[in-house]
Amino acid sequence: MQSLAMIENWPVPTAAAAVVTSDGTLLGTHGPTAHRFPLASVSKPLAAYAALVAYEEGAVELDEPAGPEGSTVRHLLAHTSGLAFDEHRVTAPPGTRRLYSNAGFEVLGDHIAKATEIPFAEYTRQAVLEPLGMTSTSLEGSPAKDGVSTVDDLARFAAEVQAPRLLDPRTVLEAQSVVHPGLKGVLPGYGHQNPNDWGLGFEIRDSKSPHWTGLSSSPATFGHFGQSGTFLWIDPAAGAACVALTDRAFGPWAAEVWTPFTDAVLAELAASR
């Protein structure tokens, strides 16, 4: 795909990207796709997928207590537990505000580790990474932000989310559907959003503006971006997903280049139909 070459003009030391369709076809790649990049918050969808495997295995229930009083596994996945951003401190009653929380995902990881009697990084490896052949990916440390992966591996993950083999498709559909509709909150890097919609570990585009995806991205688009200059989006309307990883921290540069890049990818996809 010619549009992927746009990453050569990004003001970053290293970048790689790929587009994969809903049937697992790799439409194109650009850059060092086997290079291992820090994912920052793109770690969260991987952690969420592992949590959903734990749910389907019966190790946890989505509505069982987890985290602050009144909070559940579902609240933690959807950033509605009330926990602060990077502190294990309660700032709102569960289910009342969309408070993006790394601490919530750390509590989630601890909860699943206790339920399964397996350290969360190892559980994620066994439940998600190994079955998908993601041999260059690890989620040691914080499940919210300490993942390391490659474009090659994340393309495998993006193909899985679009056509699930590890999970029941109904579970993945729930993960990409809004949990607690209508809640407002801050989308890190893009300011206050009303509503600030999220699924189970995936951010949902809906009508958010500004946003890190494209102006032409469908409202159903879901995924995540990371403060290490990384993103993964899946657009069901386009029948494809895009991964882009860099080694420069998120900032104004990313907001300037990511949207036209995504629009170019979507335009090329549409033209090839």
C-alpha atoms as a PDB file:
ATOM      1  CA  MET A   1       0.000   0.000   0.000  1.00  0.00           C
ATOM      2  CA  GLN A   2       1.497   3.296  -1.141  1.00  0.00           C
ATOM      3  CA  SER A   3      -0.135   5.246   1.683  1.00  0.00           C
ATOM      4  CA  LEU A   4       2.010   3.441   4.254  1.00  0.00           C
ATOM      5  CA  ALA A   5       5.111   5.148   2.851  1.00  0.00           C
ATOM      6  CA  MET A   6       3.866   8.378   4.444  1.00  0.00           C
ATOM      7  CA  ILE A   7       5.562   7.252   7.672  1.00  0.00           C
ATOM      8  CA  GLU A   8       8.909   8.099   6.035  1.00  0.00           C
ATOM      9  CA  ASN A   9       8.010  11.775   6.457  1.00  0.00           C
ATOM     10  CA  TRP A  10       7.086  11.504  10.119  1.00  0.00           C
ATOM     11  CA  PRO A  11       9.511  13.362  12.443  1.00  0.00           C
ATOM     12  CA  VAL A  12      10.561  10.195  14.259  1.00  0.00           C
ATOM     13  CA  PRO A  13      13.786   8.162  14.375  1.00  0.00           C
ATOM     14  CA  THR A  14      12.101   4.859  13.546  1.00  0.00           C
ATOM     15  CA  ALA A  15       8.606   3.937  12.356  1.00  0.00           C
ATOM     16  CA  ALA A  16       6.872   0.868  10.979  1.00  0.00           C
ATOM     17  CA  ALA A  17       3.294   0.241   9.886  1.00  0.00           C
ATOM     18  CA  ALA A  18       0.990  -2.416   8.480  1.00  0.00           C
ATOM     19  CA  VAL A  19      -2.582  -2.876   7.274  1.00  0.00           C
ATOM     20  CA  VAL A  20      -4.370  -6.202   7.747  1.00  0.00           C
ATOM     21  CA  THR A  21      -7.869  -7.106   6.587  1.00  0.00           C
ATOM     22  CA  SER A  22     -10.650  -8.882   8.430  1.00  0.00           C
ATOM     23  CA  ASP A  23      -9.744 -12.182   6.735  1.00  0.00           C
ATOM     24  CA  GLY A  24      -6.142 -11.904   7.950  1.00  0.00           C
ATOM     25  CA  THR A  25      -4.646 -10.765   4.653  1.00  0.00           C
ATOM     26  CA  LEU A  26      -1.647  -8.476   5.118  1.00  0.00           C
ATOM     27  CA  LEU A  27      -2.303  -5.759   2.528  1.00  0.00           C
ATOM     28  CA  GLY A  28       0.943  -3.945   3.073  1.00  0.00           C
ATOM     29  CA  THR A  29       3.794  -3.104   5.442  1.00  0.00           C
ATOM     30  CA  HIS A  30       6.412  -0.382   5.601  1.00  0.00           C
ATOM     31  CA  GLY A  31       9.486   0.043   7.751  1.00  0.00           C
ATOM     32  CA  PRO A  32      11.198  -2.410  10.122  1.00  0.00           C
ATOM     33  CA  THR A  33       8.169  -4.522  11.059  1.00  0.00           C
ATOM     34  CA  ALA A  34      10.248  -6.883  13.231  1.00  0.00           C
ATOM     35  CA  HIS A  35      11.662  -4.020  15.342  1.00  0.00           C
ATOM     36  CA  ARG A  36      10.518  -4.156  18.976  1.00  0.00           C
ATOM     37  CA  PHE A  37       8.921  -0.899  20.128  1.00  0.00           C
ATOM     38  CA  PRO A  38       7.619   0.111  23.559  1.00  0.00           C
ATOM     39  CA  LEU A  39       3.822   0.140  23.224  1.00  0.00           C
ATOM     40  CA  ALA A  40       2.838   2.374  26.145  1.00  0.00           C
ATOM     41  CA  SER A  41      -0.978   2.237  26.319  1.00  0.00           C
ATOM     42  CA  VAL A  42      -1.330   0.032  23.246  1.00  0.00           C
ATOM     43  CA  SER A  43      -0.532  -2.577  25.914  1.00  0.00           C
ATOM     44  CA  LYS A  44      -4.096  -2.216  27.203  1.00  0.00           C
ATOM     45  CA  PRO A  45      -5.925  -4.013  24.357  1.00  0.00           C
ATOM     46  CA  LEU A  46      -3.566  -6.976  24.817  1.00  0.00           C
ATOM     47  CA  ALA A  47      -4.214  -7.001  28.553  1.00  0.00           C
ATOM     48  CA  ALA A  48      -7.953  -6.663  27.946  1.00  0.00           C
ATOM     49  CA  TYR A  49      -7.934  -9.602  25.546  1.00  0.00           C
ATOM     50  CA  ALA A  50      -6.205 -11.726  28.173  1.00  0.00           C
ATOM     51  CA  ALA A  51      -8.825 -10.633  30.708  1.00  0.00           C
ATOM     52  CA  LEU A  52     -11.584 -11.700  28.320  1.00  0.00           C
ATOM     53  CA  VAL A  53      -9.935 -15.114  27.889  1.00  0.00           C
ATOM     54  CA  ALA A  54      -9.941 -15.408  31.690  1.00  0.00           C
ATOM     55  CA  TYR A  55     -13.642 -14.539  31.614  1.00  0.00           C
ATOM     56  CA  GLU A  56     -14.445 -17.160  28.992  1.00  0.00           C
ATOM     57  CA  GLU A  57     -12.397 -19.752  30.890  1.00  0.00           C
ATOM     58  CA  GLY A  58     -14.506 -19.063  33.965  1.00  0.00           C
ATOM     59  CA  ALA A  59     -11.641 -17.691  36.062  1.00  0.00           C
ATOM     60  CA  VAL A  60     -13.413 -14.358  36.508  1.00  0.00           C
ATOM     61  CA  GLU A  61     -16.810 -12.824  35.779  1.00  0.00           C
ATOM     62  CA  LEU A  62     -17.159  -9.402  34.203  1.00  0.00           C
ATOM     63  CA  ASP A  63     -19.515  -8.264  36.937  1.00  0.00           C
ATOM     64  CA  GLU A  64     -17.665  -9.657  39.943  1.00  0.00           C
ATOM     65  CA  PRO A  65     -16.178  -7.186  42.446  1.00  0.00           C
ATOM     66  CA  ALA A  66     -12.707  -5.924  41.526  1.00  0.00           C
ATOM     67  CA  GLY A  67     -10.938  -2.726  42.507  1.00  0.00           C
ATOM     68  CA  PRO A  68     -12.603  -0.024  44.627  1.00  0.00           C
ATOM     69  CA  GLU A  69     -15.812  -0.710  46.525  1.00  0.00           C
ATOM     70  CA  GLY A  70     -18.688  -1.072  44.071  1.00  0.00           C
ATOM     71  CA  SER A  71     -16.352  -1.590  41.104  1.00  0.00           C
ATOM     72  CA  THR A  72     -16.208  -4.715  38.928  1.00  0.00           C
ATOM     73  CA  VAL A  73     -13.949  -6.254  36.283  1.00  0.00           C
ATOM     74  CA  ARG A  74     -16.160  -4.553  33.694  1.00  0.00           C
ATOM     75  CA  HIS A  75     -15.645  -1.146  35.342  1.00  0.00           C
ATOM     76  CA  LEU A  76     -11.866  -1.621  35.315  1.00  0.00           C
ATOM     77  CA  LEU A  77     -11.835  -2.584  31.622  1.00  0.00           C
ATOM     78  CA  ALA A  78     -14.046   0.384  30.679  1.00  0.00           C
ATOM     79  CA  HIS A  79     -12.224   3.048  32.744  1.00  0.00           C
ATOM     80  CA  THR A  80     -15.236   3.609  34.975  1.00  0.00           C
ATOM     81  CA  SER A  81     -13.943   2.191  38.268  1.00  0.00           C
ATOM     82  CA  GLY A  82     -13.341   5.668  39.670  1.00  0.00           C
ATOM     83  CA  LEU A  83      -9.609   5.118  40.126  1.00  0.00           C
ATOM     84  CA  ALA A  84      -7.303   8.018  39.321  1.00  0.00           C
ATOM     85  CA  PHE A  85      -5.039   8.081  36.269  1.00  0.00           C
ATOM     86  CA  ASP A  86      -1.790   6.792  37.779  1.00  0.00           C
ATOM     87  CA  GLU A  87      -2.674   6.479  41.462  1.00  0.00           C
ATOM     88  CA  HIS A  88      -4.539   3.827  43.388  1.00  0.00           C
ATOM     89  CA  ARG A  89      -6.854   6.542  44.671  1.00  0.00           C
ATOM     90  CA  VAL A  90     -10.621   6.713  44.190  1.00  0.00           C
ATOM     91  CA  THR A  91     -11.832   9.980  42.666  1.00  0.00           C
ATOM     92  CA  ALA A  92     -15.430   9.107  41.678  1.00  0.00           C
ATOM     93  CA  PRO A  93     -18.090   6.455  42.366  1.00  0.00           C
ATOM     94  CA  PRO A  94     -17.885   3.507  39.937  1.00  0.00           C
ATOM     95  CA  GLY A  95     -19.877   3.912  36.733  1.00  0.00           C
ATOM     96  CA  THR A  96     -20.329   7.682  36.994  1.00  0.00           C
ATOM     97  CA  ARG A  97     -17.395   9.106  35.031  1.00  0.00           C
ATOM     98  CA  ARG A  98     -14.950   7.972  32.349  1.00  0.00           C
ATOM     99  CA  LEU A  99     -11.677   8.344  34.218  1.00  0.00           C
ATOM    100  CA  TYR A 100      -8.858   6.939  32.092  1.00  0.00           C
ATOM    101  CA  SER A 101      -6.790   4.911  34.516  1.00  0.00           C
ATOM    102  CA  ASN A 102      -3.498   3.050  34.275  1.00  0.00           C
ATOM    103  CA  ALA A 103      -4.028   2.136  37.919  1.00  0.00           C
ATOM    104  CA  GLY A 104      -7.295   0.415  36.968  1.00  0.00           C
ATOM    105  CA  PHE A 105      -5.512  -1.904  34.533  1.00  0.00           C
ATOM    106  CA  GLU A 106      -2.859  -2.663  37.149  1.00  0.00           C
ATOM    107  CA  VAL A 107      -5.591  -3.622  39.617  1.00  0.00           C
ATOM    108  CA  LEU A 108      -7.184  -5.719  36.865  1.00  0.00           C
ATOM    109  CA  GLY A 109      -3.915  -7.558  36.229  1.00  0.00           C
ATOM    110  CA  ASP A 110      -3.490  -8.280  39.935  1.00  0.00           C
ATOM    111  CA  HIS A 111      -7.093  -9.481  40.177  1.00  0.00           C
ATOM    112  CA  ILE A 112      -6.689 -11.941  37.307  1.00  0.00           C
ATOM    113  CA  ALA A 113      -3.312 -13.125  38.572  1.00  0.00           C
ATOM    114  CA  LYS A 114      -4.909 -13.936  41.919  1.00  0.00           C
ATOM    115  CA  ALA A 115      -7.897 -15.665  40.306  1.00  0.00           C
ATOM    116  CA  THR A 116      -5.774 -17.787  37.956  1.00  0.00           C
ATOM    117  CA  GLU A 117      -2.777 -18.227  40.284  1.00  0.00           C
ATOM    118  CA  ILE A 118      -0.571 -17.237  37.335  1.00  0.00           C
ATOM    119  CA  PRO A 119       1.368 -13.946  37.083  1.00  0.00           C
ATOM    120  CA  PHE A 120      -0.534 -11.728  34.674  1.00  0.00           C
ATOM    121  CA  ALA A 121       2.339 -11.368  32.187  1.00  0.00           C
ATOM    122  CA  GLU A 122       2.635 -15.146  32.015  1.00  0.00           C
ATOM    123  CA  TYR A 123      -1.133 -15.559  31.744  1.00  0.00           C
ATOM    124  CA  THR A 124      -1.186 -13.102  28.841  1.00  0.00           C
ATOM    125  CA  ARG A 125       1.627 -15.022  27.156  1.00  0.00           C
ATOM    126  CA  GLN A 126      -0.195 -18.336  27.499  1.00  0.00           C
ATOM    127  CA  ALA A 127      -3.666 -17.021  26.696  1.00  0.00           C
ATOM    128  CA  VAL A 128      -2.978 -14.573  23.860  1.00  0.00           C
ATOM    129  CA  LEU A 129       0.606 -14.146  22.707  1.00  0.00           C
ATOM    130  CA  GLU A 130       1.670 -17.758  22.293  1.00  0.00           C
ATOM    131  CA  PRO A 131      -1.494 -18.966  20.498  1.00  0.00           C
ATOM    132  CA  LEU A 132      -1.234 -16.075  18.023  1.00  0.00           C
ATOM    133  CA  GLY A 133       2.474 -16.584  17.362  1.00  0.00           C
ATOM    134  CA  MET A 134       3.353 -13.196  18.888  1.00  0.00           C
ATOM    135  CA  THR A 135       6.840 -14.353  19.854  1.00  0.00           C
ATOM    136  CA  SER A 136       8.374 -10.854  19.944  1.00  0.00           C
ATOM    137  CA  THR A 137       5.773  -9.443  22.352  1.00  0.00           C
ATOM    138  CA  SER A 138       5.944  -9.237  26.143  1.00  0.00           C
ATOM    139  CA  LEU A 139       3.769  -7.603  28.783  1.00  0.00           C
ATOM    140  CA  GLU A 140       6.078  -7.595  31.794  1.00  0.00           C
ATOM    141  CA  GLY A 141       5.551  -4.875  34.381  1.00  0.00           C
ATOM    142  CA  SER A 142       2.401  -2.760  34.220  1.00  0.00           C
ATOM    143  CA  PRO A 143      -0.313  -4.275  32.009  1.00  0.00           C
ATOM    144  CA  ALA A 144      -1.407  -0.683  31.354  1.00  0.00           C
ATOM    145  CA  LYS A 145       1.766   0.566  29.689  1.00  0.00           C
ATOM    146  CA  ASP A 146       4.820  -1.702  29.751  1.00  0.00           C
ATOM    147  CA  GLY A 147       4.188  -3.894  26.710  1.00  0.00           C
ATOM    148  CA  VAL A 148       6.803  -4.284  23.979  1.00  0.00           C
ATOM    149  CA  SER A 149       5.926  -5.573  20.520  1.00  0.00           C
ATOM    150  CA  THR A 150       6.464  -5.416  16.766  1.00  0.00           C
ATOM    151  CA  VAL A 151       4.258  -4.426  13.849  1.00  0.00           C
ATOM    152  CA  ASP A 152       4.384  -8.049  12.688  1.00  0.00           C
ATOM    153  CA  ASP A 153       2.999  -9.285  16.000  1.00  0.00           C
ATOM    154  CA  LEU A 154       0.351  -6.580  16.346  1.00  0.00           C
ATOM    155  CA  ALA A 155      -0.861  -7.320  12.824  1.00  0.00           C
ATOM    156  CA  ARG A 156      -1.499 -10.879  14.032  1.00  0.00           C
ATOM    157  CA  PHE A 157      -3.417  -9.483  17.004  1.00  0.00           C
ATOM    158  CA  ALA A 158      -5.426  -7.135  14.771  1.00  0.00           C
ATOM    159  CA  ALA A 159      -6.362 -10.048  12.528  1.00  0.00           C
ATOM    160  CA  GLU A 160      -7.509 -12.012  15.591  1.00  0.00           C
ATOM    161  CA  VAL A 161      -9.718  -9.206  16.875  1.00  0.00           C
ATOM    162  CA  GLN A 162     -11.388  -8.881  13.472  1.00  0.00           C
ATOM    163  CA  ALA A 163     -12.005 -12.641  13.135  1.00  0.00           C
ATOM    164  CA  PRO A 164     -11.682 -14.125  16.641  1.00  0.00           C
ATOM    165  CA  ARG A 165     -10.338 -17.617  17.227  1.00  0.00           C
ATOM    166  CA  LEU A 166      -9.307 -17.272  20.865  1.00  0.00           C
ATOM    167  CA  LEU A 167     -12.616 -15.741  21.979  1.00  0.00           C
ATOM    168  CA  ASP A 168     -16.271 -16.121  21.108  1.00  0.00           C
ATOM    169  CA  PRO A 169     -17.053 -13.419  18.492  1.00  0.00           C
ATOM    170  CA  ARG A 170     -19.893 -12.235  20.743  1.00  0.00           C
ATOM    171  CA  THR A 171     -17.380 -11.446  23.485  1.00  0.00           C
ATOM    172  CA  VAL A 172     -15.260  -9.394  21.086  1.00  0.00           C
ATOM    173  CA  LEU A 173     -18.377  -7.600  19.839  1.00  0.00           C
ATOM    174  CA  GLU A 174     -19.133  -6.663  23.452  1.00  0.00           C
ATOM    175  CA  ALA A 175     -15.551  -5.436  23.873  1.00  0.00           C
ATOM    176  CA  GLN A 176     -15.985  -3.040  20.941  1.00  0.00           C
ATOM    177  CA  SER A 177     -19.403  -1.804  22.121  1.00  0.00           C
ATOM    178  CA  VAL A 178     -19.921   1.138  24.456  1.00  0.00           C
ATOM    179  CA  VAL A 179     -19.908   0.303  28.164  1.00  0.00           C
ATOM    180  CA  HIS A 180     -21.840   2.806  30.293  1.00  0.00           C
ATOM    181  CA  PRO A 181     -23.001   5.035  27.393  1.00  0.00           C
ATOM    182  CA  GLY A 182     -23.105   8.797  27.774  1.00  0.00           C
ATOM    183  CA  LEU A 183     -20.228   9.236  30.212  1.00  0.00           C
ATOM    184  CA  LYS A 184     -17.968  12.189  29.579  1.00  0.00           C
ATOM    185  CA  GLY A 185     -14.283  12.382  30.337  1.00  0.00           C
ATOM    186  CA  VAL A 186     -10.830  13.273  29.071  1.00  0.00           C
ATOM    187  CA  LEU A 187      -9.243  11.414  26.164  1.00  0.00           C
ATOM    188  CA  PRO A 188      -5.520  11.774  26.993  1.00  0.00           C
ATOM    189  CA  GLY A 189      -3.837  14.068  24.502  1.00  0.00           C
ATOM    190  CA  TYR A 190      -7.140  15.131  22.926  1.00  0.00           C
ATOM    191  CA  GLY A 191      -9.006  16.810  25.769  1.00  0.00           C
ATOM    192  CA  HIS A 192     -12.557  16.604  27.104  1.00  0.00           C
ATOM    193  CA  GLN A 193     -14.989  14.456  25.125  1.00  0.00           C
ATOM    194  CA  ASN A 194     -18.732  14.236  25.641  1.00  0.00           C
ATOM    195  CA  PRO A 195     -19.431  11.418  25.423  1.00  0.00           C
ATOM    196  CA  ASN A 196     -16.063   9.711  25.911  1.00  0.00           C
ATOM    197  CA  ASP A 197     -17.039   6.223  24.789  1.00  0.00           C
ATOM    198  CA  TRP A 198     -15.076   3.062  25.574  1.00  0.00           C
ATOM    199  CA  GLY A 199     -15.672  -0.644  25.299  1.00  0.00           C
ATOM    200  CA  LEU A 200     -13.857  -3.334  27.262  1.00  0.00           C
ATOM    201  CA  GLY A 201     -10.244  -2.240  26.902  1.00  0.00           C
ATOM    202  CA  PHE A 202     -10.788  -0.593  23.511  1.00  0.00           C
ATOM    203  CA  GLU A 203     -11.480   3.082  22.892  1.00  0.00           C
ATOM    204  CA  ILE A 204     -14.392   3.697  20.514  1.00  0.00           C
ATOM    205  CA  ARG A 205     -14.228   6.582  18.070  1.00  0.00           C
ATOM    206  CA  ASP A 206     -17.935   7.409  17.746  1.00  0.00           C
ATOM    207  CA  SER A 207     -18.228  11.169  17.135  1.00  0.00           C
ATOM    208  CA  LYS A 208     -15.188  12.291  19.141  1.00  0.00           C
ATOM    209  CA  SER A 209     -13.430  15.399  17.913  1.00  0.00           C
ATOM    210  CA  PRO A 210     -10.521  15.946  17.910  1.00  0.00           C
ATOM    211  CA  HIS A 211      -9.374  12.348  17.612  1.00  0.00           C
ATOM    212  CA  TRP A 212      -6.252  10.368  16.741  1.00  0.00           C
ATOM    213  CA  THR A 213      -7.901   8.385  13.911  1.00  0.00           C
ATOM    214  CA  GLY A 214      -8.964   9.818  10.545  1.00  0.00           C
ATOM    215  CA  LEU A 215     -11.626  12.330   9.625  1.00  0.00           C
ATOM    216  CA  SER A 216     -13.036   9.573   7.415  1.00  0.00           C
ATOM    217  CA  SER A 217     -12.818   6.833  10.062  1.00  0.00           C
ATOM    218  CA  SER A 218     -16.208   5.277  10.738  1.00  0.00           C
ATOM    219  CA  PRO A 219     -17.848   5.871  14.154  1.00  0.00           C
ATOM    220  CA  ALA A 220     -17.466   2.117  14.766  1.00  0.00           C
ATOM    221  CA  THR A 221     -13.663   2.386  14.659  1.00  0.00           C
ATOM    222  CA  PHE A 222     -12.038   1.144  17.842  1.00  0.00           C
ATOM    223  CA  GLY A 223      -8.521   0.615  19.133  1.00  0.00           C
ATOM    224  CA  HIS A 224      -5.911   2.458  21.188  1.00  0.00           C
ATOM    225  CA  PHE A 225      -2.962   4.796  20.939  1.00  0.00           C
ATOM    226  CA  GLY A 226       0.059   5.049  23.200  1.00  0.00           C
ATOM    227  CA  GLN A 227       2.192   7.837  24.604  1.00  0.00           C
ATOM    228  CA  SER A 228       5.229   6.182  22.998  1.00  0.00           C
ATOM    229  CA  GLY A 229       3.927   7.292  19.585  1.00  0.00           C
ATOM    230  CA  THR A 230       2.030   4.114  18.765  1.00  0.00           C
ATOM    231  CA  PHE A 231      -1.464   3.186  17.620  1.00  0.00           C
ATOM    232  CA  LEU A 232      -3.705   0.349  16.523  1.00  0.00           C
ATOM    233  CA  TRP A 233      -7.120   0.973  14.997  1.00  0.00           C
ATOM    234  CA  ILE A 234      -9.705  -1.386  13.596  1.00  0.00           C
ATOM    235  CA  ASP A 235     -12.387   0.040  11.306  1.00  0.00           C
ATOM    236  CA  PRO A 236     -15.197  -2.491  10.758  1.00  0.00           C
ATOM    237  CA  ALA A 237     -16.659  -0.373   7.965  1.00  0.00           C
ATOM    238  CA  ALA A 238     -13.364  -0.566   6.064  1.00  0.00           C
ATOM    239  CA  GLY A 239     -12.897  -4.242   6.907  1.00  0.00           C
ATOM    240  CA  ALA A 240      -9.311  -3.571   7.947  1.00  0.00           C
ATOM    241  CA  ALA A 241      -6.975  -2.608  10.760  1.00  0.00           C
ATOM    242  CA  CYS A 242      -3.839  -0.473  10.848  1.00  0.00           C
ATOM    243  CA  VAL A 243      -0.843  -0.636  13.181  1.00  0.00           C
ATOM    244  CA  ALA A 244       1.791   2.093  13.410  1.00  0.00           C
ATOM    245  CA  LEU A 245       4.667   2.027  15.881  1.00  0.00           C
ATOM    246  CA  THR A 246       7.340   4.677  16.438  1.00  0.00           C
ATOM    247  CA  ASP A 247      10.038   5.463  18.955  1.00  0.00           C
ATOM    248  CA  ARG A 248       9.126   9.096  19.601  1.00  0.00           C
ATOM    249  CA  ALA A 249       6.845  10.117  22.447  1.00  0.00           C
ATOM    250  CA  PHE A 250       3.352  11.272  21.509  1.00  0.00           C
ATOM    251  CA  GLY A 251       3.017  15.013  21.013  1.00  0.00           C
ATOM    252  CA  PRO A 252       1.734  17.645  18.565  1.00  0.00           C
ATOM    253  CA  TRP A 253       3.701  15.923  15.788  1.00  0.00           C
ATOM    254  CA  ALA A 254       1.496  12.826  16.124  1.00  0.00           C
ATOM    255  CA  ALA A 255      -1.751  14.780  16.109  1.00  0.00           C
ATOM    256  CA  GLU A 256      -0.575  16.446  12.881  1.00  0.00           C
ATOM    257  CA  VAL A 257       0.448  13.313  10.940  1.00  0.00           C
ATOM    258  CA  TRP A 258      -1.726  10.474  12.203  1.00  0.00           C
ATOM    259  CA  THR A 259      -5.067  11.768  10.909  1.00  0.00           C
ATOM    260  CA  PRO A 260      -3.995  12.432   7.299  1.00  0.00           C
ATOM    261  CA  PHE A 261      -2.149   9.114   7.337  1.00  0.00           C
ATOM    262  CA  THR A 262      -5.270   7.223   8.391  1.00  0.00           C
ATOM    263  CA  ASP A 263      -7.391   9.089   5.847  1.00  0.00           C
ATOM    264  CA  ALA A 264      -4.921   8.127   3.106  1.00  0.00           C
ATOM    265  CA  VAL A 265      -4.975   4.476   4.180  1.00  0.00           C
ATOM    266  CA  LEU A 266      -8.787   4.436   4.192  1.00  0.00           C
ATOM    267  CA  ALA A 267      -8.931   6.146   0.794  1.00  0.00           C
ATOM    268  CA  GLU A 268      -6.569   3.555  -0.678  1.00  0.00           C
ATOM    269  CA  LEU A 269      -8.637   0.754   0.832  1.00  0.00           C
ATOM    270  CA  ALA A 270     -11.825   2.204  -0.632  1.00  0.00           C
ATOM    271  CA  ALA A 271     -10.242   2.650  -4.063  1.00  0.00           C
ATOM    272  CA  SER A 272      -9.111  -0.985  -4.134  1.00  0.00           C
ATOM    273  CA  ARG A 273     -12.614  -2.379  -3.604  1.00  0.00           C
END
